[in-house]
Amino acid sequence: MLLSFDDGKHWVDLYRARCTGDIPPVQMRMCTKFKPDGLTMATDVPQYSGYPLSFLGRLLLAKVAMVLHS
């Protein structure tokens, strides 16, 4: 497995099916504009074609918390 943080993101993409144990529920689907044509997705959680404002707010708060704890 290779983890690379060269692109500046401070989160890691992962596949939910690869996780085991007590997994929190999915809260949103992002960047759905890149899904393959013809793929139908479940509508159980909100879907966004890009990055939703609520997600960007969470990232900002996490970044502030990381800076303050340094």
N, C-alpha and C. Protein backbone atom coordinates (compact mmCIF):
# COMPACT_ATOMS: atom_id res chain seq x y z
N MET A 1 0.84 -1.16 0.00
CA MET A 1 0.00 0.00 0.00
C MET A 1 0.89 1.24 0.00
N LEU A 2 0.51 2.22 -0.78
CA LEU A 2 1.24 3.47 -0.86
C LEU A 2 0.35 4.62 -0.45
N LEU A 3 0.79 5.41 0.49
CA LEU A 3 0.09 6.63 0.86
C LEU A 3 0.97 7.79 0.46
N SER A 4 0.44 8.68 -0.34
CA SER A 4 1.20 9.83 -0.79
C SER A 4 0.42 11.09 -0.48
N PHE A 5 1.06 12.06 0.13
CA PHE A 5 0.42 13.31 0.47
C PHE A 5 0.98 14.47 -0.35
N ASP A 6 1.46 14.17 -1.54
CA ASP A 6 2.08 15.18 -2.39
C ASP A 6 1.08 16.17 -2.97
N ASP A 7 -0.19 15.85 -2.98
CA ASP A 7 -1.17 16.73 -3.61
C ASP A 7 -1.72 17.80 -2.67
N GLY A 8 -1.26 17.84 -1.43
CA GLY A 8 -1.67 18.89 -0.50
C GLY A 8 -2.90 18.57 0.33
N LYS A 9 -3.60 17.49 0.04
CA LYS A 9 -4.77 17.14 0.85
C LYS A 9 -4.30 16.63 2.21
N HIS A 10 -5.06 16.92 3.25
CA HIS A 10 -4.71 16.36 4.56
C HIS A 10 -5.71 15.29 4.98
N TRP A 11 -6.33 14.66 3.99
CA TRP A 11 -7.18 13.51 4.25
C TRP A 11 -6.76 12.39 3.29
N VAL A 12 -7.20 11.21 3.57
CA VAL A 12 -6.85 10.05 2.77
C VAL A 12 -8.12 9.44 2.20
N ASP A 13 -8.14 9.22 0.89
CA ASP A 13 -9.27 8.53 0.27
C ASP A 13 -9.19 7.05 0.60
N LEU A 14 -10.34 6.44 0.89
CA LEU A 14 -10.35 5.01 1.14
C LEU A 14 -11.67 4.41 0.69
N TYR A 15 -11.65 3.10 0.50
CA TYR A 15 -12.84 2.37 0.09
C TYR A 15 -13.50 1.80 1.34
N ARG A 16 -14.75 2.15 1.57
CA ARG A 16 -15.48 1.73 2.76
C ARG A 16 -15.53 0.20 2.90
N ALA A 17 -15.64 -0.51 1.80
CA ALA A 17 -15.73 -1.97 1.85
C ALA A 17 -14.46 -2.61 2.42
N ARG A 18 -13.35 -1.88 2.41
CA ARG A 18 -12.09 -2.42 2.94
C ARG A 18 -11.97 -2.25 4.45
N CYS A 19 -12.88 -1.50 5.08
CA CYS A 19 -12.84 -1.27 6.52
C CYS A 19 -13.60 -2.37 7.25
N THR A 20 -13.16 -2.66 8.46
CA THR A 20 -13.83 -3.67 9.28
C THR A 20 -14.15 -3.07 10.64
N GLY A 21 -14.99 -3.73 11.38
CA GLY A 21 -15.32 -3.28 12.72
C GLY A 21 -16.53 -2.35 12.72
N ASP A 22 -16.59 -1.49 13.72
CA ASP A 22 -17.70 -0.55 13.89
C ASP A 22 -17.44 0.67 13.00
N ILE A 23 -18.06 0.70 11.83
CA ILE A 23 -17.83 1.74 10.84
C ILE A 23 -18.97 2.76 10.92
N PRO A 24 -18.64 4.07 11.00
CA PRO A 24 -19.71 5.07 11.02
C PRO A 24 -20.47 5.09 9.70
N PRO A 25 -21.72 5.53 9.71
CA PRO A 25 -22.49 5.55 8.48
C PRO A 25 -21.97 6.60 7.49
N VAL A 26 -22.25 6.38 6.23
CA VAL A 26 -21.89 7.35 5.19
C VAL A 26 -22.74 8.60 5.40
N GLN A 27 -22.12 9.78 5.30
CA GLN A 27 -22.85 11.03 5.53
C GLN A 27 -23.15 11.78 4.24
N MET A 28 -22.29 11.64 3.24
CA MET A 28 -22.50 12.32 1.96
C MET A 28 -21.62 11.67 0.90
N ARG A 29 -22.01 11.88 -0.36
CA ARG A 29 -21.19 11.44 -1.49
C ARG A 29 -20.75 12.69 -2.24
N MET A 30 -19.43 12.78 -2.47
CA MET A 30 -18.89 13.98 -3.11
C MET A 30 -18.31 13.65 -4.48
N CYS A 31 -18.22 14.66 -5.30
CA CYS A 31 -17.62 14.57 -6.64
C CYS A 31 -18.28 13.48 -7.48
N THR A 32 -19.59 13.42 -7.42
CA THR A 32 -20.31 12.40 -8.18
C THR A 32 -20.32 12.70 -9.68
N LYS A 33 -19.86 13.88 -10.09
CA LYS A 33 -19.79 14.18 -11.52
C LYS A 33 -18.76 13.30 -12.22
N PHE A 34 -17.89 12.64 -11.46
CA PHE A 34 -16.87 11.78 -12.04
C PHE A 34 -17.27 10.31 -12.07
N LYS A 35 -18.49 10.00 -11.67
CA LYS A 35 -18.92 8.60 -11.68
C LYS A 35 -19.06 8.11 -13.12
N PRO A 36 -18.88 6.82 -13.36
CA PRO A 36 -19.01 6.28 -14.71
C PRO A 36 -20.43 6.49 -15.27
N ASP A 37 -20.53 6.70 -16.55
CA ASP A 37 -21.84 6.86 -17.20
C ASP A 37 -22.66 5.59 -17.02
N GLY A 38 -23.93 5.77 -16.75
CA GLY A 38 -24.83 4.63 -16.60
C GLY A 38 -24.87 4.06 -15.19
N LEU A 39 -24.00 4.49 -14.30
CA LEU A 39 -23.98 4.00 -12.93
C LEU A 39 -25.09 4.69 -12.14
N THR A 40 -25.96 3.90 -11.53
CA THR A 40 -26.99 4.47 -10.67
C THR A 40 -26.55 4.32 -9.22
N MET A 41 -26.68 5.39 -8.48
CA MET A 41 -26.24 5.38 -7.08
C MET A 41 -27.46 5.43 -6.17
N ALA A 42 -27.31 4.86 -4.99
CA ALA A 42 -28.38 4.90 -3.99
C ALA A 42 -28.62 6.34 -3.58
N THR A 43 -29.83 6.66 -3.21
CA THR A 43 -30.19 8.02 -2.82
C THR A 43 -30.41 8.12 -1.31
N ASP A 44 -29.75 7.26 -0.55
CA ASP A 44 -29.93 7.25 0.90
C ASP A 44 -29.22 8.39 1.62
N VAL A 45 -28.22 9.01 0.99
CA VAL A 45 -27.50 10.15 1.58
C VAL A 45 -27.38 11.24 0.51
N PRO A 46 -27.15 12.49 0.92
CA PRO A 46 -27.00 13.55 -0.07
C PRO A 46 -25.82 13.31 -1.01
N GLN A 47 -26.00 13.69 -2.27
CA GLN A 47 -24.95 13.55 -3.28
C GLN A 47 -24.62 14.93 -3.84
N TYR A 48 -23.33 15.20 -4.01
CA TYR A 48 -22.88 16.48 -4.51
C TYR A 48 -21.95 16.27 -5.70
N SER A 49 -22.11 17.09 -6.71
CA SER A 49 -21.25 16.95 -7.89
C SER A 49 -19.84 17.45 -7.62
N GLY A 50 -19.68 18.31 -6.63
CA GLY A 50 -18.36 18.83 -6.25
C GLY A 50 -18.16 18.66 -4.75
N TYR A 51 -17.54 19.67 -4.13
CA TYR A 51 -17.34 19.66 -2.69
C TYR A 51 -18.39 20.55 -2.02
N PRO A 52 -19.22 20.00 -1.15
CA PRO A 52 -20.26 20.82 -0.51
C PRO A 52 -19.66 21.77 0.53
N LEU A 53 -20.34 22.86 0.77
CA LEU A 53 -19.89 23.87 1.72
C LEU A 53 -19.74 23.28 3.13
N SER A 54 -20.62 22.38 3.51
CA SER A 54 -20.52 21.78 4.85
C SER A 54 -19.23 20.98 5.00
N PHE A 55 -18.80 20.30 3.95
CA PHE A 55 -17.55 19.55 3.98
C PHE A 55 -16.35 20.50 4.08
N LEU A 56 -16.38 21.57 3.30
CA LEU A 56 -15.28 22.54 3.34
C LEU A 56 -15.20 23.21 4.72
N GLY A 57 -16.36 23.43 5.35
CA GLY A 57 -16.36 23.97 6.71
C GLY A 57 -15.72 23.01 7.70
N ARG A 58 -16.02 21.73 7.57
CA ARG A 58 -15.41 20.73 8.45
C ARG A 58 -13.91 20.68 8.25
N LEU A 59 -13.47 20.76 7.01
CA LEU A 59 -12.03 20.76 6.73
C LEU A 59 -11.35 21.98 7.35
N LEU A 60 -11.98 23.13 7.22
CA LEU A 60 -11.42 24.35 7.79
C LEU A 60 -11.30 24.24 9.31
N LEU A 61 -12.34 23.75 9.96
CA LEU A 61 -12.30 23.57 11.41
C LEU A 61 -11.22 22.56 11.82
N ALA A 62 -11.07 21.49 11.07
CA ALA A 62 -10.04 20.50 11.37
C ALA A 62 -8.65 21.10 11.20
N LYS A 63 -8.46 21.91 10.16
CA LYS A 63 -7.15 22.55 9.92
C LYS A 63 -6.83 23.53 11.05
N VAL A 64 -7.81 24.31 11.49
CA VAL A 64 -7.60 25.24 12.61
C VAL A 64 -7.24 24.46 13.87
N ALA A 65 -7.93 23.37 14.13
CA ALA A 65 -7.63 22.55 15.31
C ALA A 65 -6.21 21.98 15.23
N MET A 66 -5.78 21.57 14.04
CA MET A 66 -4.42 21.05 13.90
C MET A 66 -3.38 22.13 14.15
N VAL A 67 -3.63 23.34 13.68
CA VAL A 67 -2.69 24.44 13.87
C VAL A 67 -2.62 24.81 15.35
N LEU A 68 -3.75 24.87 16.03
CA LEU A 68 -3.78 25.26 17.43
C LEU A 68 -3.14 24.23 18.35
N HIS A 69 -3.14 22.97 17.97
CA HIS A 69 -2.56 21.91 18.80
C HIS A 69 -1.09 21.70 18.52
N SER A 70 -0.52 22.45 17.61
CA SER A 70 0.91 22.28 17.29
C SER A 70 1.78 23.01 18.28
